[in-house]
Amino acid sequence: MLWFAADLPNLISLAGLVSAMLAIYFAARGVLPAAMIGLVWAVAFDWFDGWIARRMSRRTDEQRTYGAQLDSLIDVVSFGVVPAVVLMSVGGFQPGFLPGAAIVLAGAVIRLAYFNVFGLADSSTYRGLALDNNAIILVALFAFRPLFAAPVFPLVVCALLVGLSALNISPIKTPKFGGAFYYVVAAYAVAMSGVFGWQLLAYAR
């Protein structure tokens, strides 16, 4: 098992899992800027594990299959559990936010199960909105959190995540991005880490 996990793309996937775990930890502690840094790097690692895997010609079929399963399981944590915990945290862990968190988590699992069975709609198109988009949009929303009134922001987060979950399992077709978008995602992760790092400095003061 550890031999498969030690494969470079799978190590990158596991780095994404650690990022997601840190996002959960900081969200549970109420340090949401740090949670957003963990989440945005979970997205970046999720993108680059596949990018590197496709450039490694000596990987076996077993390594590829193992990597696909590992990536899917980690996606449940990164794009299902993390947003659900963030929603509960921003809502002060009030019971009223439990239905929204359940929808977010169930939507992620339903989408991933469907994708694992049926794959892409075609070579460059997803059926439904890919889950990593949820995290990218959520991180962007938190960058503008100071613009929202404190009582309103949890409701905005809940509405956004539930709406995205509906798009995740909808029949709409969305493009599978690649090429230059890898650099865009990397730049986005660095930029958002700077934004939330600055917020953490202000928080520490």
C-alpha atoms as a PDB file:
ATOM      1  CA  MET A   1       0.000   0.000   0.000  1.00  0.00           C
ATOM      2  CA  LEU A   2       2.744   2.440   0.926  1.00  0.00           C
ATOM      3  CA  TRP A   3       4.545   1.684  -2.357  1.00  0.00           C
ATOM      4  CA  PHE A   4       1.515   2.935  -4.263  1.00  0.00           C
ATOM      5  CA  ALA A   5       1.150   5.948  -1.993  1.00  0.00           C
ATOM      6  CA  ALA A   6       4.825   6.868  -2.500  1.00  0.00           C
ATOM      7  CA  ASP A   7       4.211   7.482  -6.207  1.00  0.00           C
ATOM      8  CA  LEU A   8       4.890  11.219  -6.813  1.00  0.00           C
ATOM      9  CA  PRO A   9       1.403  12.187  -8.079  1.00  0.00           C
ATOM     10  CA  ASN A  10      -0.142  10.325  -5.146  1.00  0.00           C
ATOM     11  CA  LEU A  11       2.150  12.133  -2.707  1.00  0.00           C
ATOM     12  CA  ILE A  12       0.892  15.395  -4.174  1.00  0.00           C
ATOM     13  CA  SER A  13      -2.691  14.161  -3.694  1.00  0.00           C
ATOM     14  CA  LEU A  14      -1.851  13.407  -0.061  1.00  0.00           C
ATOM     15  CA  ALA A  15      -0.408  16.908   0.316  1.00  0.00           C
ATOM     16  CA  GLY A  16      -3.833  18.135  -0.768  1.00  0.00           C
ATOM     17  CA  LEU A  17      -5.402  15.955   1.912  1.00  0.00           C
ATOM     18  CA  VAL A  18      -3.146  17.506   4.553  1.00  0.00           C
ATOM     19  CA  SER A  19      -4.141  20.971   3.287  1.00  0.00           C
ATOM     20  CA  ALA A  20      -7.804  19.996   3.594  1.00  0.00           C
ATOM     21  CA  MET A  21      -7.225  18.648   7.102  1.00  0.00           C
ATOM     22  CA  LEU A  22      -5.648  21.949   8.115  1.00  0.00           C
ATOM     23  CA  ALA A  23      -8.619  23.786   6.590  1.00  0.00           C
ATOM     24  CA  ILE A  24     -10.981  21.683   8.718  1.00  0.00           C
ATOM     25  CA  TYR A  25      -8.895  22.296  11.845  1.00  0.00           C
ATOM     26  CA  PHE A  26      -8.782  26.069  11.404  1.00  0.00           C
ATOM     27  CA  ALA A  27     -12.441  26.281  10.403  1.00  0.00           C
ATOM     28  CA  ALA A  28     -13.397  24.380  13.553  1.00  0.00           C
ATOM     29  CA  ARG A  29     -11.270  26.806  15.564  1.00  0.00           C
ATOM     30  CA  GLY A  30     -12.956  29.763  13.862  1.00  0.00           C
ATOM     31  CA  VAL A  31      -9.757  30.965  12.160  1.00  0.00           C
ATOM     32  CA  LEU A  32     -11.366  31.177   8.738  1.00  0.00           C
ATOM     33  CA  PRO A  33      -8.581  33.032   6.864  1.00  0.00           C
ATOM     34  CA  ALA A  34      -6.236  30.140   7.683  1.00  0.00           C
ATOM     35  CA  ALA A  35      -8.953  27.692   6.634  1.00  0.00           C
ATOM     36  CA  MET A  36      -9.169  29.439   3.257  1.00  0.00           C
ATOM     37  CA  ILE A  37      -5.412  29.112   2.765  1.00  0.00           C
ATOM     38  CA  GLY A  38      -5.688  25.372   3.420  1.00  0.00           C
ATOM     39  CA  LEU A  39      -8.630  25.079   1.041  1.00  0.00           C
ATOM     40  CA  VAL A  40      -7.035  26.979  -1.843  1.00  0.00           C
ATOM     41  CA  TRP A  41      -3.919  24.806  -1.637  1.00  0.00           C
ATOM     42  CA  ALA A  42      -6.092  21.690  -1.570  1.00  0.00           C
ATOM     43  CA  VAL A  43      -7.413  22.912  -4.938  1.00  0.00           C
ATOM     44  CA  ALA A  44      -3.903  23.554  -6.274  1.00  0.00           C
ATOM     45  CA  PHE A  45      -2.633  20.118  -5.263  1.00  0.00           C
ATOM     46  CA  ASP A  46      -5.764  18.525  -6.737  1.00  0.00           C
ATOM     47  CA  TRP A  47      -4.985  20.145 -10.086  1.00  0.00           C
ATOM     48  CA  PHE A  48      -1.289  19.362 -10.160  1.00  0.00           C
ATOM     49  CA  ASP A  49      -1.383  15.696  -9.143  1.00  0.00           C
ATOM     50  CA  GLY A  50      -3.073  14.837 -12.444  1.00  0.00           C
ATOM     51  CA  TRP A  51      -0.866  17.232 -14.411  1.00  0.00           C
ATOM     52  CA  ILE A  52       2.260  15.496 -13.142  1.00  0.00           C
ATOM     53  CA  ALA A  53       0.767  12.012 -13.514  1.00  0.00           C
ATOM     54  CA  ARG A  54       0.126  12.569 -17.209  1.00  0.00           C
ATOM     55  CA  ARG A  55       3.794  13.437 -17.706  1.00  0.00           C
ATOM     56  CA  MET A  56       5.110  10.257 -16.049  1.00  0.00           C
ATOM     57  CA  SER A  57       5.261   7.602 -18.745  1.00  0.00           C
ATOM     58  CA  ARG A  58       6.566   4.807 -16.498  1.00  0.00           C
ATOM     59  CA  ARG A  59       3.582   4.622 -14.148  1.00  0.00           C
ATOM     60  CA  THR A  60       1.864   1.238 -14.120  1.00  0.00           C
ATOM     61  CA  ASP A  61      -1.845   0.703 -14.697  1.00  0.00           C
ATOM     62  CA  GLU A  62      -2.156  -0.223 -11.019  1.00  0.00           C
ATOM     63  CA  GLN A  63      -0.571   3.088  -9.988  1.00  0.00           C
ATOM     64  CA  ARG A  64      -2.959   4.984 -12.247  1.00  0.00           C
ATOM     65  CA  THR A  65      -5.997   3.141 -10.887  1.00  0.00           C
ATOM     66  CA  TYR A  66      -4.848   3.587  -7.307  1.00  0.00           C
ATOM     67  CA  GLY A  67      -4.182   7.277  -7.945  1.00  0.00           C
ATOM     68  CA  ALA A  68      -7.656   7.808  -9.392  1.00  0.00           C
ATOM     69  CA  GLN A  69      -9.280   6.211  -6.337  1.00  0.00           C
ATOM     70  CA  LEU A  70      -7.055   8.154  -3.940  1.00  0.00           C
ATOM     71  CA  ASP A  71      -7.845  11.424  -5.706  1.00  0.00           C
ATOM     72  CA  SER A  72     -11.588  10.784  -5.536  1.00  0.00           C
ATOM     73  CA  LEU A  73     -11.537   9.945  -1.833  1.00  0.00           C
ATOM     74  CA  ILE A  74      -9.499  13.054  -1.074  1.00  0.00           C
ATOM     75  CA  ASP A  75     -11.957  15.147  -3.112  1.00  0.00           C
ATOM     76  CA  VAL A  76     -14.710  14.069  -0.713  1.00  0.00           C
ATOM     77  CA  VAL A  77     -12.723  15.632   2.118  1.00  0.00           C
ATOM     78  CA  SER A  78     -11.474  18.721   0.267  1.00  0.00           C
ATOM     79  CA  PHE A  79     -14.654  19.660  -1.573  1.00  0.00           C
ATOM     80  CA  GLY A  80     -17.314  18.031   0.581  1.00  0.00           C
ATOM     81  CA  VAL A  81     -16.250  17.980   4.228  1.00  0.00           C
ATOM     82  CA  VAL A  82     -14.230  21.225   4.193  1.00  0.00           C
ATOM     83  CA  PRO A  83     -17.003  23.455   2.746  1.00  0.00           C
ATOM     84  CA  ALA A  84     -19.548  21.836   5.069  1.00  0.00           C
ATOM     85  CA  VAL A  85     -17.383  22.545   8.130  1.00  0.00           C
ATOM     86  CA  VAL A  86     -16.670  26.085   6.897  1.00  0.00           C
ATOM     87  CA  LEU A  87     -20.409  26.685   6.562  1.00  0.00           C
ATOM     88  CA  MET A  88     -21.054  25.417  10.072  1.00  0.00           C
ATOM     89  CA  SER A  89     -18.173  27.491  11.454  1.00  0.00           C
ATOM     90  CA  VAL A  90     -19.218  30.757   9.813  1.00  0.00           C
ATOM     91  CA  GLY A  91     -22.718  30.055  11.083  1.00  0.00           C
ATOM     92  CA  GLY A  92     -21.466  29.695  14.638  1.00  0.00           C
ATOM     93  CA  PHE A  93     -22.272  25.953  14.592  1.00  0.00           C
ATOM     94  CA  GLN A  94     -25.945  26.772  14.924  1.00  0.00           C
ATOM     95  CA  PRO A  95     -28.308  23.842  14.147  1.00  0.00           C
ATOM     96  CA  GLY A  96     -30.051  25.890  11.467  1.00  0.00           C
ATOM     97  CA  PHE A  97     -27.020  25.489   9.203  1.00  0.00           C
ATOM     98  CA  LEU A  98     -26.962  21.683   9.454  1.00  0.00           C
ATOM     99  CA  PRO A  99     -29.337  21.137   6.484  1.00  0.00           C
ATOM    100  CA  GLY A 100     -27.160  23.319   4.265  1.00  0.00           C
ATOM    101  CA  ALA A 101     -24.006  21.485   5.354  1.00  0.00           C
ATOM    102  CA  ALA A 102     -25.703  18.132   4.721  1.00  0.00           C
ATOM    103  CA  ILE A 103     -26.692  19.223   1.211  1.00  0.00           C
ATOM    104  CA  VAL A 104     -23.120  20.333   0.474  1.00  0.00           C
ATOM    105  CA  LEU A 105     -21.634  17.051   1.667  1.00  0.00           C
ATOM    106  CA  ALA A 106     -24.257  14.846   0.004  1.00  0.00           C
ATOM    107  CA  GLY A 107     -23.949  16.769  -3.261  1.00  0.00           C
ATOM    108  CA  ALA A 108     -20.193  16.202  -3.311  1.00  0.00           C
ATOM    109  CA  VAL A 109     -20.526  12.470  -2.676  1.00  0.00           C
ATOM    110  CA  ILE A 110     -23.313  12.045  -5.249  1.00  0.00           C
ATOM    111  CA  ARG A 111     -21.306  13.893  -7.889  1.00  0.00           C
ATOM    112  CA  LEU A 112     -18.098  11.964  -7.253  1.00  0.00           C
ATOM    113  CA  ALA A 113     -19.892   8.611  -7.296  1.00  0.00           C
ATOM    114  CA  TYR A 114     -21.473   9.514 -10.637  1.00  0.00           C
ATOM    115  CA  PHE A 115     -18.165  10.698 -12.075  1.00  0.00           C
ATOM    116  CA  ASN A 116     -16.353   7.547 -10.915  1.00  0.00           C
ATOM    117  CA  VAL A 117     -18.861   5.422 -12.829  1.00  0.00           C
ATOM    118  CA  PHE A 118     -19.521   7.507 -15.950  1.00  0.00           C
ATOM    119  CA  GLY A 119     -16.521   9.852 -16.218  1.00  0.00           C
ATOM    120  CA  LEU A 120     -16.547  12.878 -18.493  1.00  0.00           C
ATOM    121  CA  ALA A 121     -19.483  13.713 -20.744  1.00  0.00           C
ATOM    122  CA  ASP A 122     -16.898  13.784 -23.554  1.00  0.00           C
ATOM    123  CA  SER A 123     -13.138  14.297 -23.820  1.00  0.00           C
ATOM    124  CA  SER A 124     -13.262  17.936 -22.684  1.00  0.00           C
ATOM    125  CA  THR A 125     -16.605  18.353 -20.911  1.00  0.00           C
ATOM    126  CA  TYR A 126     -17.975  17.561 -17.460  1.00  0.00           C
ATOM    127  CA  ARG A 127     -21.612  16.798 -16.757  1.00  0.00           C
ATOM    128  CA  GLY A 128     -22.400  19.201 -13.937  1.00  0.00           C
ATOM    129  CA  LEU A 129     -20.078  21.741 -12.335  1.00  0.00           C
ATOM    130  CA  ALA A 130     -16.782  20.219 -11.182  1.00  0.00           C
ATOM    131  CA  LEU A 131     -16.357  20.307  -7.402  1.00  0.00           C
ATOM    132  CA  ASP A 132     -13.094  22.234  -7.363  1.00  0.00           C
ATOM    133  CA  ASN A 133     -14.996  25.243  -8.703  1.00  0.00           C
ATOM    134  CA  ASN A 134     -16.955  25.329  -5.438  1.00  0.00           C
ATOM    135  CA  ALA A 135     -13.756  25.806  -3.456  1.00  0.00           C
ATOM    136  CA  ILE A 136     -12.356  28.423  -5.840  1.00  0.00           C
ATOM    137  CA  ILE A 137     -15.557  30.478  -5.629  1.00  0.00           C
ATOM    138  CA  LEU A 138     -15.873  30.038  -1.857  1.00  0.00           C
ATOM    139  CA  VAL A 139     -12.324  31.283  -1.310  1.00  0.00           C
ATOM    140  CA  ALA A 140     -13.044  34.312  -3.514  1.00  0.00           C
ATOM    141  CA  LEU A 141     -16.175  35.081  -1.489  1.00  0.00           C
ATOM    142  CA  PHE A 142     -14.233  35.011   1.784  1.00  0.00           C
ATOM    143  CA  ALA A 143     -11.728  37.486   0.348  1.00  0.00           C
ATOM    144  CA  PHE A 144     -14.618  39.990   0.262  1.00  0.00           C
ATOM    145  CA  ARG A 145     -15.992  39.063   3.677  1.00  0.00           C
ATOM    146  CA  PRO A 146     -15.297  42.529   5.195  1.00  0.00           C
ATOM    147  CA  LEU A 147     -17.807  44.015   2.740  1.00  0.00           C
ATOM    148  CA  PHE A 148     -20.703  42.028   4.231  1.00  0.00           C
ATOM    149  CA  ALA A 149     -22.590  42.712   7.439  1.00  0.00           C
ATOM    150  CA  ALA A 150     -21.731  40.075  10.025  1.00  0.00           C
ATOM    151  CA  PRO A 151     -25.274  38.615  10.358  1.00  0.00           C
ATOM    152  CA  VAL A 152     -25.697  38.420   6.571  1.00  0.00           C
ATOM    153  CA  PHE A 153     -22.452  36.694   5.586  1.00  0.00           C
ATOM    154  CA  PRO A 154     -23.332  33.194   6.919  1.00  0.00           C
ATOM    155  CA  LEU A 155     -26.572  33.281   4.924  1.00  0.00           C
ATOM    156  CA  VAL A 156     -24.662  34.300   1.792  1.00  0.00           C
ATOM    157  CA  VAL A 157     -22.202  31.435   2.274  1.00  0.00           C
ATOM    158  CA  CYS A 158     -25.058  28.981   2.800  1.00  0.00           C
ATOM    159  CA  ALA A 159     -26.950  30.164  -0.288  1.00  0.00           C
ATOM    160  CA  LEU A 160     -23.780  30.063  -2.396  1.00  0.00           C
ATOM    161  CA  LEU A 161     -22.777  26.544  -1.363  1.00  0.00           C
ATOM    162  CA  VAL A 162     -26.275  25.097  -1.723  1.00  0.00           C
ATOM    163  CA  GLY A 163     -26.582  26.723  -5.145  1.00  0.00           C
ATOM    164  CA  LEU A 164     -23.215  25.332  -6.216  1.00  0.00           C
ATOM    165  CA  SER A 165     -24.219  21.888  -4.973  1.00  0.00           C
ATOM    166  CA  ALA A 166     -27.279  22.035  -7.207  1.00  0.00           C
ATOM    167  CA  LEU A 167     -25.018  22.861 -10.161  1.00  0.00           C
ATOM    168  CA  ASN A 168     -22.648  20.023  -9.230  1.00  0.00           C
ATOM    169  CA  ILE A 169     -25.353  17.401  -9.712  1.00  0.00           C
ATOM    170  CA  SER A 170     -27.218  19.152 -12.529  1.00  0.00           C
ATOM    171  CA  PRO A 171     -27.180  17.927 -16.166  1.00  0.00           C
ATOM    172  CA  ILE A 172     -25.477  21.085 -17.429  1.00  0.00           C
ATOM    173  CA  LYS A 173     -22.195  20.627 -19.271  1.00  0.00           C
ATOM    174  CA  THR A 174     -19.114  22.574 -18.217  1.00  0.00           C
ATOM    175  CA  PRO A 175     -15.651  22.664 -19.797  1.00  0.00           C
ATOM    176  CA  LYS A 176     -12.695  20.711 -18.450  1.00  0.00           C
ATOM    177  CA  PHE A 177      -9.984  23.340 -18.143  1.00  0.00           C
ATOM    178  CA  GLY A 178      -6.322  22.647 -18.765  1.00  0.00           C
ATOM    179  CA  GLY A 179      -3.257  24.182 -20.362  1.00  0.00           C
ATOM    180  CA  ALA A 180      -2.621  27.709 -19.127  1.00  0.00           C
ATOM    181  CA  PHE A 181      -5.265  27.302 -16.408  1.00  0.00           C
ATOM    182  CA  TYR A 182      -2.727  25.330 -14.345  1.00  0.00           C
ATOM    183  CA  TYR A 183      -0.679  28.514 -14.063  1.00  0.00           C
ATOM    184  CA  VAL A 184      -3.836  30.478 -13.272  1.00  0.00           C
ATOM    185  CA  VAL A 185      -4.699  28.106 -10.404  1.00  0.00           C
ATOM    186  CA  ALA A 186      -1.145  28.270  -9.039  1.00  0.00           C
ATOM    187  CA  ALA A 187      -1.167  32.073  -9.203  1.00  0.00           C
ATOM    188  CA  TYR A 188      -4.610  32.148  -7.577  1.00  0.00           C
ATOM    189  CA  ALA A 189      -3.394  29.977  -4.686  1.00  0.00           C
ATOM    190  CA  VAL A 190      -0.381  32.228  -4.121  1.00  0.00           C
ATOM    191  CA  ALA A 191      -2.430  35.437  -4.379  1.00  0.00           C
ATOM    192  CA  MET A 192      -5.162  34.230  -2.032  1.00  0.00           C
ATOM    193  CA  SER A 193      -2.574  32.977   0.441  1.00  0.00           C
ATOM    194  CA  GLY A 194      -1.227  36.540   0.472  1.00  0.00           C
ATOM    195  CA  VAL A 195      -4.693  38.024   0.991  1.00  0.00           C
ATOM    196  CA  PHE A 196      -5.590  35.712   3.849  1.00  0.00           C
ATOM    197  CA  GLY A 197      -2.081  35.832   5.295  1.00  0.00           C
ATOM    198  CA  TRP A 198      -2.531  39.616   5.581  1.00  0.00           C
ATOM    199  CA  GLN A 199      -5.891  39.053   7.276  1.00  0.00           C
ATOM    200  CA  LEU A 200      -4.218  36.671   9.732  1.00  0.00           C
ATOM    201  CA  LEU A 201      -1.638  39.309  10.607  1.00  0.00           C
ATOM    202  CA  ALA A 202      -4.436  41.768  11.314  1.00  0.00           C
ATOM    203  CA  TYR A 203      -6.246  39.057  13.292  1.00  0.00           C
ATOM    204  CA  ALA A 204      -3.094  38.423  15.371  1.00  0.00           C
ATOM    205  CA  ARG A 205      -2.840  42.087  16.245  1.00  0.00           C
END
